[in-house]
Amino acid sequence: MTTFVITVPGTFVTDVTDTSRAALERKLATRHTDLSESEGLDLLTLNDDGTFSVRLEVGASDRYEAELDAVGLVSSALHESGFAEADALLGTPVVTGIDSDL
C-alpha cells in the first residue's frame, strides 16, 4: 500500500460562506495526516474566482485507485457539507505526492 497526496481541483458555481467552508474543511480533516502536514499542504485552497483545490492523502495500491478514491472523498465531503453536485464542479485529480516503503 502506498500513500498518495492527490490534488482535486474544482470550481464553485455558488457562493461559499465561511460556515460552509469550515464544514467542508472539518469533513476533509481526517485526510490531512503526517505526509501532507509535514509538507505544509493546505487541505483546501479557495480562490476569489470560486476555483478551489483540495489536497488529501489516500492509501491505495496504485495511482488510478488513489485518484478515484480522492474524487469520491471530495464528492462526499462536499455533499455532507451541504453542496449539491451542481454547486461544485470537480476537475481531473492529480498525484502531487507519493510516500512508499519501497
PDB file of N, CA and C in Angstrom:
ATOM      1  N   MET A   1       0.856  -1.177   0.000  1.00  0.00           N
ATOM      2  CA  MET A   1       0.000   0.000   0.000  1.00  0.00           C
ATOM      3  C   MET A   1       0.895   1.231   0.000  1.00  0.00           C
ATOM      4  N   THR A   2       0.525   2.179  -0.816  1.00  0.00           N
ATOM      5  CA  THR A   2       1.260   3.423  -0.965  1.00  0.00           C
ATOM      6  C   THR A   2       0.359   4.581  -0.554  1.00  0.00           C
ATOM      7  N   THR A   3       0.945   5.587   0.062  1.00  0.00           N
ATOM      8  CA  THR A   3       0.193   6.792   0.407  1.00  0.00           C
ATOM      9  C   THR A   3       0.429   7.823  -0.684  1.00  0.00           C
ATOM     10  N   PHE A   4      -0.664   8.286  -1.259  1.00  0.00           N
ATOM     11  CA  PHE A   4      -0.618   9.299  -2.311  1.00  0.00           C
ATOM     12  C   PHE A   4      -1.213  10.594  -1.783  1.00  0.00           C
ATOM     13  N   VAL A   5      -0.624  11.714  -2.139  1.00  0.00           N
ATOM     14  CA  VAL A   5      -1.268  13.011  -1.947  1.00  0.00           C
ATOM     15  C   VAL A   5      -1.881  13.346  -3.301  1.00  0.00           C
ATOM     16  N   ILE A   6      -3.196  13.511  -3.283  1.00  0.00           N
ATOM     17  CA  ILE A   6      -3.940  13.781  -4.514  1.00  0.00           C
ATOM     18  C   ILE A   6      -4.516  15.189  -4.432  1.00  0.00           C
ATOM     19  N   THR A   7      -4.377  15.944  -5.497  1.00  0.00           N
ATOM     20  CA  THR A   7      -4.997  17.257  -5.598  1.00  0.00           C
ATOM     21  C   THR A   7      -6.195  17.147  -6.531  1.00  0.00           C
ATOM     22  N   VAL A   8      -7.356  17.557  -6.007  1.00  0.00           N
ATOM     23  CA  VAL A   8      -8.592  17.556  -6.793  1.00  0.00           C
ATOM     24  C   VAL A   8      -8.998  19.014  -6.989  1.00  0.00           C
ATOM     25  N   PRO A   9      -8.928  19.516  -8.228  1.00  0.00           N
ATOM     26  CA  PRO A   9      -9.342  20.890  -8.496  1.00  0.00           C
ATOM     27  C   PRO A   9     -10.849  20.960  -8.727  1.00  0.00           C
ATOM     28  N   GLY A  10     -11.369  22.149  -8.604  1.00  0.00           N
ATOM     29  CA  GLY A  10     -12.795  22.326  -8.870  1.00  0.00           C
ATOM     30  C   GLY A  10     -13.166  23.789  -8.930  1.00  0.00           C
ATOM     31  N   THR A  11     -14.448  24.008  -9.187  1.00  0.00           N
ATOM     32  CA  THR A  11     -14.990  25.362  -9.252  1.00  0.00           C
ATOM     33  C   THR A  11     -16.340  25.385  -8.563  1.00  0.00           C
ATOM     34  N   PHE A  12     -16.480  26.295  -7.613  1.00  0.00           N
ATOM     35  CA  PHE A  12     -17.787  26.523  -7.003  1.00  0.00           C
ATOM     36  C   PHE A  12     -18.566  27.451  -7.920  1.00  0.00           C
ATOM     37  N   VAL A  13     -19.787  27.077  -8.234  1.00  0.00           N
ATOM     38  CA  VAL A  13     -20.648  27.931  -9.054  1.00  0.00           C
ATOM     39  C   VAL A  13     -21.728  28.577  -8.192  1.00  0.00           C
ATOM     40  N   THR A  14     -21.559  28.475  -6.905  1.00  0.00           N
ATOM     41  CA  THR A  14     -22.431  29.104  -5.929  1.00  0.00           C
ATOM     42  C   THR A  14     -21.548  29.779  -4.888  1.00  0.00           C
ATOM     43  N   ASP A  15     -22.108  30.695  -4.127  1.00  0.00           N
ATOM     44  CA  ASP A  15     -21.331  31.362  -3.085  1.00  0.00           C
ATOM     45  C   ASP A  15     -20.945  30.383  -1.990  1.00  0.00           C
ATOM     46  N   VAL A  16     -19.756  30.568  -1.449  1.00  0.00           N
ATOM     47  CA  VAL A  16     -19.255  29.740  -0.359  1.00  0.00           C
ATOM     48  C   VAL A  16     -19.173  30.622   0.883  1.00  0.00           C
ATOM     49  N   THR A  17     -19.982  30.297   1.866  1.00  0.00           N
ATOM     50  CA  THR A  17     -19.967  31.061   3.110  1.00  0.00           C
ATOM     51  C   THR A  17     -18.830  30.565   4.000  1.00  0.00           C
ATOM     52  N   ASP A  18     -18.479  31.351   4.994  1.00  0.00           N
ATOM     53  CA  ASP A  18     -17.459  30.922   5.952  1.00  0.00           C
ATOM     54  C   ASP A  18     -17.898  29.652   6.671  1.00  0.00           C
ATOM     55  N   THR A  19     -19.191  29.552   6.952  1.00  0.00           N
ATOM     56  CA  THR A  19     -19.734  28.374   7.642  1.00  0.00           C
ATOM     57  C   THR A  19     -19.616  27.125   6.776  1.00  0.00           C
ATOM     58  N   SER A  20     -19.981  27.226   5.504  1.00  0.00           N
ATOM     59  CA  SER A  20     -19.905  26.057   4.625  1.00  0.00           C
ATOM     60  C   SER A  20     -18.452  25.676   4.343  1.00  0.00           C
ATOM     61  N   ARG A  21     -17.575  26.661   4.255  1.00  0.00           N
ATOM     62  CA  ARG A  21     -16.152  26.363   4.065  1.00  0.00           C
ATOM     63  C   ARG A  21     -15.598  25.625   5.286  1.00  0.00           C
ATOM     64  N   ALA A  22     -15.943  26.084   6.484  1.00  0.00           N
ATOM     65  CA  ALA A  22     -15.476  25.441   7.712  1.00  0.00           C
ATOM     66  C   ALA A  22     -16.019  24.016   7.813  1.00  0.00           C
ATOM     67  N   ALA A  23     -17.269  23.818   7.413  1.00  0.00           N
ATOM     68  CA  ALA A  23     -17.859  22.474   7.435  1.00  0.00           C
ATOM     69  C   ALA A  23     -17.114  21.547   6.480  1.00  0.00           C
ATOM     70  N   LEU A  24     -16.784  22.038   5.307  1.00  0.00           N
ATOM     71  CA  LEU A  24     -16.044  21.238   4.329  1.00  0.00           C
ATOM     72  C   LEU A  24     -14.653  20.901   4.860  1.00  0.00           C
ATOM     73  N   GLU A  25     -13.978  21.857   5.447  1.00  0.00           N
ATOM     74  CA  GLU A  25     -12.641  21.600   5.991  1.00  0.00           C
ATOM     75  C   GLU A  25     -12.687  20.567   7.116  1.00  0.00           C
ATOM     76  N   ARG A  26     -13.741  20.604   7.951  1.00  0.00           N
ATOM     77  CA  ARG A  26     -13.896  19.592   9.011  1.00  0.00           C
ATOM     78  C   ARG A  26     -14.079  18.205   8.418  1.00  0.00           C
ATOM     79  N   LYS A  27     -14.854  18.096   7.359  1.00  0.00           N
ATOM     80  CA  LYS A  27     -15.092  16.797   6.715  1.00  0.00           C
ATOM     81  C   LYS A  27     -13.810  16.241   6.094  1.00  0.00           C
ATOM     82  N   LEU A  28     -12.950  17.102   5.629  1.00  0.00           N
ATOM     83  CA  LEU A  28     -11.713  16.672   4.985  1.00  0.00           C
ATOM     84  C   LEU A  28     -10.568  16.462   5.968  1.00  0.00           C
ATOM     85  N   ALA A  29     -10.706  16.927   7.193  1.00  0.00           N
ATOM     86  CA  ALA A  29      -9.602  16.952   8.156  1.00  0.00           C
ATOM     87  C   ALA A  29      -8.981  15.585   8.415  1.00  0.00           C
ATOM     88  N   THR A  30      -9.747  14.524   8.338  1.00  0.00           N
ATOM     89  CA  THR A  30      -9.195  13.194   8.620  1.00  0.00           C
ATOM     90  C   THR A  30      -8.219  12.742   7.548  1.00  0.00           C
ATOM     91  N   ARG A  31      -8.203  13.378   6.409  1.00  0.00           N
ATOM     92  CA  ARG A  31      -7.298  13.011   5.313  1.00  0.00           C
ATOM     93  C   ARG A  31      -6.017  13.835   5.346  1.00  0.00           C
ATOM     94  N   HIS A  32      -5.854  14.674   6.352  1.00  0.00           N
ATOM     95  CA  HIS A  32      -4.691  15.548   6.497  1.00  0.00           C
ATOM     96  C   HIS A  32      -3.811  14.940   7.577  1.00  0.00           C
ATOM     97  N   THR A  33      -2.866  14.121   7.160  1.00  0.00           N
ATOM     98  CA  THR A  33      -2.048  13.396   8.131  1.00  0.00           C
ATOM     99  C   THR A  33      -0.573  13.726   7.951  1.00  0.00           C
ATOM    100  N   ASP A  34       0.282  12.860   8.447  1.00  0.00           N
ATOM    101  CA  ASP A  34       1.718  13.148   8.549  1.00  0.00           C
ATOM    102  C   ASP A  34       2.361  13.689   7.273  1.00  0.00           C
ATOM    103  N   LEU A  35       2.143  13.036   6.154  1.00  0.00           N
ATOM    104  CA  LEU A  35       2.814  13.455   4.920  1.00  0.00           C
ATOM    105  C   LEU A  35       2.397  14.863   4.505  1.00  0.00           C
ATOM    106  N   SER A  36       1.108  15.120   4.431  1.00  0.00           N
ATOM    107  CA  SER A  36       0.659  16.437   3.976  1.00  0.00           C
ATOM    108  C   SER A  36       0.961  17.518   5.000  1.00  0.00           C
ATOM    109  N   GLU A  37       0.883  17.192   6.293  1.00  0.00           N
ATOM    110  CA  GLU A  37       1.215  18.184   7.311  1.00  0.00           C
ATOM    111  C   GLU A  37       2.701  18.512   7.293  1.00  0.00           C
ATOM    112  N   SER A  38       3.553  17.486   7.138  1.00  0.00           N
ATOM    113  CA  SER A  38       4.991  17.736   7.122  1.00  0.00           C
ATOM    114  C   SER A  38       5.415  18.536   5.897  1.00  0.00           C
ATOM    115  N   GLU A  39       4.657  18.437   4.823  1.00  0.00           N
ATOM    116  CA  GLU A  39       4.942  19.201   3.601  1.00  0.00           C
ATOM    117  C   GLU A  39       4.286  20.580   3.634  1.00  0.00           C
ATOM    118  N   GLY A  40       3.509  20.872   4.688  1.00  0.00           N
ATOM    119  CA  GLY A  40       2.872  22.174   4.823  1.00  0.00           C
ATOM    120  C   GLY A  40       1.736  22.408   3.848  1.00  0.00           C
ATOM    121  N   LEU A  41       1.061  21.347   3.438  1.00  0.00           N
ATOM    122  CA  LEU A  41      -0.029  21.479   2.468  1.00  0.00           C
ATOM    123  C   LEU A  41      -1.329  21.896   3.147  1.00  0.00           C
ATOM    124  N   ASP A  42      -2.034  22.814   2.536  1.00  0.00           N
ATOM    125  CA  ASP A  42      -3.376  23.170   2.994  1.00  0.00           C
ATOM    126  C   ASP A  42      -4.356  22.180   2.391  1.00  0.00           C
ATOM    127  N   LEU A  43      -5.330  21.766   3.189  1.00  0.00           N
ATOM    128  CA  LEU A  43      -6.351  20.848   2.677  1.00  0.00           C
ATOM    129  C   LEU A  43      -7.174  21.497   1.579  1.00  0.00           C
ATOM    130  N   LEU A  44      -7.585  22.726   1.816  1.00  0.00           N
ATOM    131  CA  LEU A  44      -8.474  23.415   0.882  1.00  0.00           C
ATOM    132  C   LEU A  44      -7.915  24.787   0.566  1.00  0.00           C
ATOM    133  N   THR A  45      -7.751  25.056  -0.708  1.00  0.00           N
ATOM    134  CA  THR A  45      -7.388  26.388  -1.174  1.00  0.00           C
ATOM    135  C   THR A  45      -8.567  26.902  -1.981  1.00  0.00           C
ATOM    136  N   LEU A  46      -9.118  28.033  -1.565  1.00  0.00           N
ATOM    137  CA  LEU A  46     -10.266  28.627  -2.241  1.00  0.00           C
ATOM    138  C   LEU A  46      -9.858  29.997  -2.766  1.00  0.00           C
ATOM    139  N   ASN A  47      -9.960  30.167  -4.074  1.00  0.00           N
ATOM    140  CA  ASN A  47      -9.580  31.423  -4.714  1.00  0.00           C
ATOM    141  C   ASN A  47     -10.784  32.347  -4.851  1.00  0.00           C
ATOM    142  N   ASP A  48     -10.507  33.637  -5.049  1.00  0.00           N
ATOM    143  CA  ASP A  48     -11.567  34.641  -5.156  1.00  0.00           C
ATOM    144  C   ASP A  48     -12.532  34.384  -6.307  1.00  0.00           C
ATOM    145  N   ASP A  49     -12.073  33.709  -7.347  1.00  0.00           N
ATOM    146  CA  ASP A  49     -12.921  33.465  -8.513  1.00  0.00           C
ATOM    147  C   ASP A  49     -13.767  32.187  -8.381  1.00  0.00           C
ATOM    148  N   GLY A  50     -13.725  31.550  -7.203  1.00  0.00           N
ATOM    149  CA  GLY A  50     -14.531  30.349  -6.980  1.00  0.00           C
ATOM    150  C   GLY A  50     -13.822  29.049  -7.287  1.00  0.00           C
ATOM    151  N   THR A  51     -12.643  29.133  -7.889  1.00  0.00           N
ATOM    152  CA  THR A  51     -11.891  27.900  -8.123  1.00  0.00           C
ATOM    153  C   THR A  51     -11.281  27.441  -6.804  1.00  0.00           C
ATOM    154  N   PHE A  52     -11.076  26.136  -6.696  1.00  0.00           N
ATOM    155  CA  PHE A  52     -10.511  25.598  -5.466  1.00  0.00           C
ATOM    156  C   PHE A  52      -9.672  24.369  -5.769  1.00  0.00           C
ATOM    157  N   SER A  53      -8.858  24.000  -4.783  1.00  0.00           N
ATOM    158  CA  SER A  53      -8.075  22.768  -4.835  1.00  0.00           C
ATOM    159  C   SER A  53      -8.186  22.102  -3.476  1.00  0.00           C
ATOM    160  N   VAL A  54      -8.414  20.797  -3.507  1.00  0.00           N
ATOM    161  CA  VAL A  54      -8.422  20.008  -2.283  1.00  0.00           C
ATOM    162  C   VAL A  54      -7.252  19.039  -2.380  1.00  0.00           C
ATOM    163  N   ARG A  55      -6.423  18.998  -1.347  1.00  0.00           N
ATOM    164  CA  ARG A  55      -5.292  18.082  -1.294  1.00  0.00           C
ATOM    165  C   ARG A  55      -5.516  17.130  -0.138  1.00  0.00           C
ATOM    166  N   LEU A  56      -5.516  15.839  -0.440  1.00  0.00           N
ATOM    167  CA  LEU A  56      -5.699  14.862   0.623  1.00  0.00           C
ATOM    168  C   LEU A  56      -4.895  13.615   0.393  1.00  0.00           C
ATOM    169  N   GLU A  57      -4.688  12.898   1.484  1.00  0.00           N
ATOM    170  CA  GLU A  57      -3.924  11.665   1.423  1.00  0.00           C
ATOM    171  C   GLU A  57      -4.856  10.487   1.247  1.00  0.00           C
ATOM    172  N   VAL A  58      -4.427   9.574   0.393  1.00  0.00           N
ATOM    173  CA  VAL A  58      -5.198   8.370   0.121  1.00  0.00           C
ATOM    174  C   VAL A  58      -4.234   7.194   0.077  1.00  0.00           C
ATOM    175  N   GLY A  59      -4.571   6.138   0.806  1.00  0.00           N
ATOM    176  CA  GLY A  59      -3.798   4.906   0.723  1.00  0.00           C
ATOM    177  C   GLY A  59      -4.387   4.029  -0.366  1.00  0.00           C
ATOM    178  N   ALA A  60      -3.567   3.610  -1.311  1.00  0.00           N
ATOM    179  CA  ALA A  60      -4.060   2.803  -2.433  1.00  0.00           C
ATOM    180  C   ALA A  60      -2.919   1.982  -3.014  1.00  0.00           C
ATOM    181  N   SER A  61      -3.295   0.997  -3.810  1.00  0.00           N
ATOM    182  CA  SER A  61      -2.275   0.152  -4.432  1.00  0.00           C
ATOM    183  C   SER A  61      -1.669   0.778  -5.683  1.00  0.00           C
ATOM    184  N   ASP A  62      -2.411   1.717  -6.304  1.00  0.00           N
ATOM    185  CA  ASP A  62      -1.869   2.383  -7.492  1.00  0.00           C
ATOM    186  C   ASP A  62      -2.488   3.773  -7.647  1.00  0.00           C
ATOM    187  N   ARG A  63      -1.932   4.522  -8.574  1.00  0.00           N
ATOM    188  CA  ARG A  63      -2.341   5.902  -8.810  1.00  0.00           C
ATOM    189  C   ARG A  63      -3.813   6.014  -9.214  1.00  0.00           C
ATOM    190  N   TYR A  64      -4.252   5.147 -10.087  1.00  0.00           N
ATOM    191  CA  TYR A  64      -5.629   5.183 -10.571  1.00  0.00           C
ATOM    192  C   TYR A  64      -6.617   5.027  -9.421  1.00  0.00           C
ATOM    193  N   GLU A  65      -6.382   4.037  -8.585  1.00  0.00           N
ATOM    194  CA  GLU A  65      -7.263   3.805  -7.430  1.00  0.00           C
ATOM    195  C   GLU A  65      -7.234   5.001  -6.475  1.00  0.00           C
ATOM    196  N   ALA A  66      -6.049   5.571  -6.260  1.00  0.00           N
ATOM    197  CA  ALA A  66      -5.917   6.719  -5.371  1.00  0.00           C
ATOM    198  C   ALA A  66      -6.706   7.923  -5.898  1.00  0.00           C
ATOM    199  N   GLU A  67      -6.634   8.162  -7.200  1.00  0.00           N
ATOM    200  CA  GLU A  67      -7.361   9.282  -7.788  1.00  0.00           C
ATOM    201  C   GLU A  67      -8.875   9.078  -7.685  1.00  0.00           C
ATOM    202  N   LEU A  68      -9.341   7.860  -7.962  1.00  0.00           N
ATOM    203  CA  LEU A  68     -10.773   7.570  -7.830  1.00  0.00           C
ATOM    204  C   LEU A  68     -11.250   7.751  -6.394  1.00  0.00           C
ATOM    205  N   ASP A  69     -10.462   7.243  -5.444  1.00  0.00           N
ATOM    206  CA  ASP A  69     -10.822   7.381  -4.030  1.00  0.00           C
ATOM    207  C   ASP A  69     -10.873   8.849  -3.621  1.00  0.00           C
ATOM    208  N   ALA A  70      -9.910   9.621  -4.081  1.00  0.00           N
ATOM    209  CA  ALA A  70      -9.855  11.041  -3.726  1.00  0.00           C
ATOM    210  C   ALA A  70     -11.076  11.794  -4.239  1.00  0.00           C
ATOM    211  N   VAL A  71     -11.453  11.557  -5.474  1.00  0.00           N
ATOM    212  CA  VAL A  71     -12.632  12.217  -6.034  1.00  0.00           C
ATOM    213  C   VAL A  71     -13.881  11.814  -5.253  1.00  0.00           C
ATOM    214  N   GLY A  72     -13.974  10.535  -4.894  1.00  0.00           N
ATOM    215  CA  GLY A  72     -15.112  10.076  -4.097  1.00  0.00           C
ATOM    216  C   GLY A  72     -15.155  10.738  -2.733  1.00  0.00           C
ATOM    217  N   LEU A  73     -14.007  10.875  -2.089  1.00  0.00           N
ATOM    218  CA  LEU A  73     -13.947  11.521  -0.779  1.00  0.00           C
ATOM    219  C   LEU A  73     -14.320  13.001  -0.860  1.00  0.00           C
ATOM    220  N   VAL A  74     -13.820  13.685  -1.869  1.00  0.00           N
ATOM    221  CA  VAL A  74     -14.144  15.099  -2.029  1.00  0.00           C
ATOM    222  C   VAL A  74     -15.631  15.264  -2.334  1.00  0.00           C
ATOM    223  N   SER A  75     -16.166  14.436  -3.215  1.00  0.00           N
ATOM    224  CA  SER A  75     -17.595  14.499  -3.546  1.00  0.00           C
ATOM    225  C   SER A  75     -18.452  14.287  -2.307  1.00  0.00           C
ATOM    226  N   SER A  76     -18.106  13.286  -1.509  1.00  0.00           N
ATOM    227  CA  SER A  76     -18.855  13.002  -0.276  1.00  0.00           C
ATOM    228  C   SER A  76     -18.760  14.156   0.709  1.00  0.00           C
ATOM    229  N   ALA A  77     -17.551  14.698   0.884  1.00  0.00           N
ATOM    230  CA  ALA A  77     -17.364  15.812   1.809  1.00  0.00           C
ATOM    231  C   ALA A  77     -18.172  17.035   1.372  1.00  0.00           C
ATOM    232  N   LEU A  78     -18.188  17.306   0.077  1.00  0.00           N
ATOM    233  CA  LEU A  78     -18.984  18.420  -0.442  1.00  0.00           C
ATOM    234  C   LEU A  78     -20.462  18.201  -0.157  1.00  0.00           C
ATOM    235  N   HIS A  79     -20.952  17.011  -0.454  1.00  0.00           N
ATOM    236  CA  HIS A  79     -22.363  16.687  -0.235  1.00  0.00           C
ATOM    237  C   HIS A  79     -22.727  16.806   1.248  1.00  0.00           C
ATOM    238  N   GLU A  80     -21.886  16.230   2.110  1.00  0.00           N
ATOM    239  CA  GLU A  80     -22.146  16.270   3.557  1.00  0.00           C
ATOM    240  C   GLU A  80     -22.042  17.677   4.128  1.00  0.00           C
ATOM    241  N   SER A  81     -21.379  18.571   3.404  1.00  0.00           N
ATOM    242  CA  SER A  81     -21.241  19.966   3.836  1.00  0.00           C
ATOM    243  C   SER A  81     -22.349  20.849   3.272  1.00  0.00           C
ATOM    244  N   GLY A  82     -23.284  20.257   2.546  1.00  0.00           N
ATOM    245  CA  GLY A  82     -24.430  20.998   2.045  1.00  0.00           C
ATOM    246  C   GLY A  82     -24.341  21.482   0.613  1.00  0.00           C
ATOM    247  N   PHE A  83     -23.323  21.057  -0.116  1.00  0.00           N
ATOM    248  CA  PHE A  83     -23.195  21.455  -1.516  1.00  0.00           C
ATOM    249  C   PHE A  83     -23.796  20.384  -2.414  1.00  0.00           C
ATOM    250  N   ALA A  84     -24.651  20.796  -3.331  1.00  0.00           N
ATOM    251  CA  ALA A  84     -25.181  19.876  -4.339  1.00  0.00           C
ATOM    252  C   ALA A  84     -24.093  19.626  -5.385  1.00  0.00           C
ATOM    253  N   GLU A  85     -24.233  18.538  -6.124  1.00  0.00           N
ATOM    254  CA  GLU A  85     -23.235  18.199  -7.144  1.00  0.00           C
ATOM    255  C   GLU A  85     -23.038  19.339  -8.143  1.00  0.00           C
ATOM    256  N   ALA A  86     -24.127  20.031  -8.486  1.00  0.00           N
ATOM    257  CA  ALA A  86     -24.050  21.123  -9.447  1.00  0.00           C
ATOM    258  C   ALA A  86     -23.428  22.394  -8.863  1.00  0.00           C
ATOM    259  N   ASP A  87     -23.271  22.460  -7.535  1.00  0.00           N
ATOM    260  CA  ASP A  87     -22.689  23.638  -6.881  1.00  0.00           C
ATOM    261  C   ASP A  87     -21.178  23.676  -6.955  1.00  0.00           C
ATOM    262  N   ALA A  88     -20.552  22.497  -7.090  1.00  0.00           N
ATOM    263  CA  ALA A  88     -19.092  22.418  -7.081  1.00  0.00           C
ATOM    264  C   ALA A  88     -18.657  21.414  -8.139  1.00  0.00           C
ATOM    265  N   LEU A  89     -18.177  21.922  -9.243  1.00  0.00           N
ATOM    266  CA  LEU A  89     -17.757  21.075 -10.356  1.00  0.00           C
ATOM    267  C   LEU A  89     -16.306  20.651 -10.142  1.00  0.00           C
ATOM    268  N   LEU A  90     -16.049  19.349 -10.189  1.00  0.00           N
ATOM    269  CA  LEU A  90     -14.716  18.823  -9.942  1.00  0.00           C
ATOM    270  C   LEU A  90     -13.961  18.601 -11.239  1.00  0.00           C
ATOM    271  N   GLY A  91     -12.664  18.870 -11.196  1.00  0.00           N
ATOM    272  CA  GLY A  91     -11.788  18.646 -12.342  1.00  0.00           C
ATOM    273  C   GLY A  91     -11.062  17.318 -12.217  1.00  0.00           C
ATOM    274  N   THR A  92     -10.065  17.148 -13.039  1.00  0.00           N
ATOM    275  CA  THR A  92      -9.283  15.915 -13.078  1.00  0.00           C
ATOM    276  C   THR A  92      -8.277  15.888 -11.929  1.00  0.00           C
ATOM    277  N   PRO A  93      -8.289  14.819 -11.117  1.00  0.00           N
ATOM    278  CA  PRO A  93      -7.353  14.726  -9.997  1.00  0.00           C
ATOM    279  C   PRO A  93      -5.933  14.474 -10.490  1.00  0.00           C
ATOM    280  N   VAL A  94      -4.967  14.873  -9.647  1.00  0.00           N
ATOM    281  CA  VAL A  94      -3.557  14.738  -9.991  1.00  0.00           C
ATOM    282  C   VAL A  94      -2.787  14.265  -8.760  1.00  0.00           C
ATOM    283  N   VAL A  95      -1.839  13.364  -8.970  1.00  0.00           N
ATOM    284  CA  VAL A  95      -0.953  12.928  -7.897  1.00  0.00           C
ATOM    285  C   VAL A  95       0.084  14.024  -7.677  1.00  0.00           C
ATOM    286  N   THR A  96       0.151  14.540  -6.441  1.00  0.00           N
ATOM    287  CA  THR A  96       1.126  15.590  -6.147  1.00  0.00           C
ATOM    288  C   THR A  96       2.141  15.167  -5.087  1.00  0.00           C
ATOM    289  N   GLY A  97       2.031  13.909  -4.643  1.00  0.00           N
ATOM    290  CA  GLY A  97       2.998  13.385  -3.693  1.00  0.00           C
ATOM    291  C   GLY A  97       2.825  11.891  -3.514  1.00  0.00           C
ATOM    292  N   ILE A  98       3.915  11.198  -3.226  1.00  0.00           N
ATOM    293  CA  ILE A  98       3.876   9.746  -3.000  1.00  0.00           C
ATOM    294  C   ILE A  98       4.807   9.430  -1.846  1.00  0.00           C
ATOM    295  N   ASP A  99       4.314   8.602  -0.924  1.00  0.00           N
ATOM    296  CA  ASP A  99       5.128   8.109   0.181  1.00  0.00           C
ATOM    297  C   ASP A  99       4.985   6.596   0.195  1.00  0.00           C
ATOM    298  N   SER A 100       6.073   5.899  -0.073  1.00  0.00           N
ATOM    299  CA  SER A 100       6.032   4.440  -0.172  1.00  0.00           C
ATOM    300  C   SER A 100       7.191   3.844   0.583  1.00  0.00           C
ATOM    301  N   ASP A 101       7.006   2.623   1.065  1.00  0.00           N
ATOM    302  CA  ASP A 101       8.069   1.889   1.753  1.00  0.00           C
ATOM    303  C   ASP A 101       8.972   1.135   0.791  1.00  0.00           C
ATOM    304  N   LEU A 102       8.799   1.330  -0.506  1.00  0.00           N
ATOM    305  CA  LEU A 102       9.598   0.612  -1.499  1.00  0.00           C
ATOM    306  C   LEU A 102      11.026   1.058  -1.503  1.00  0.00           C
TER     307      LEU A 102
END
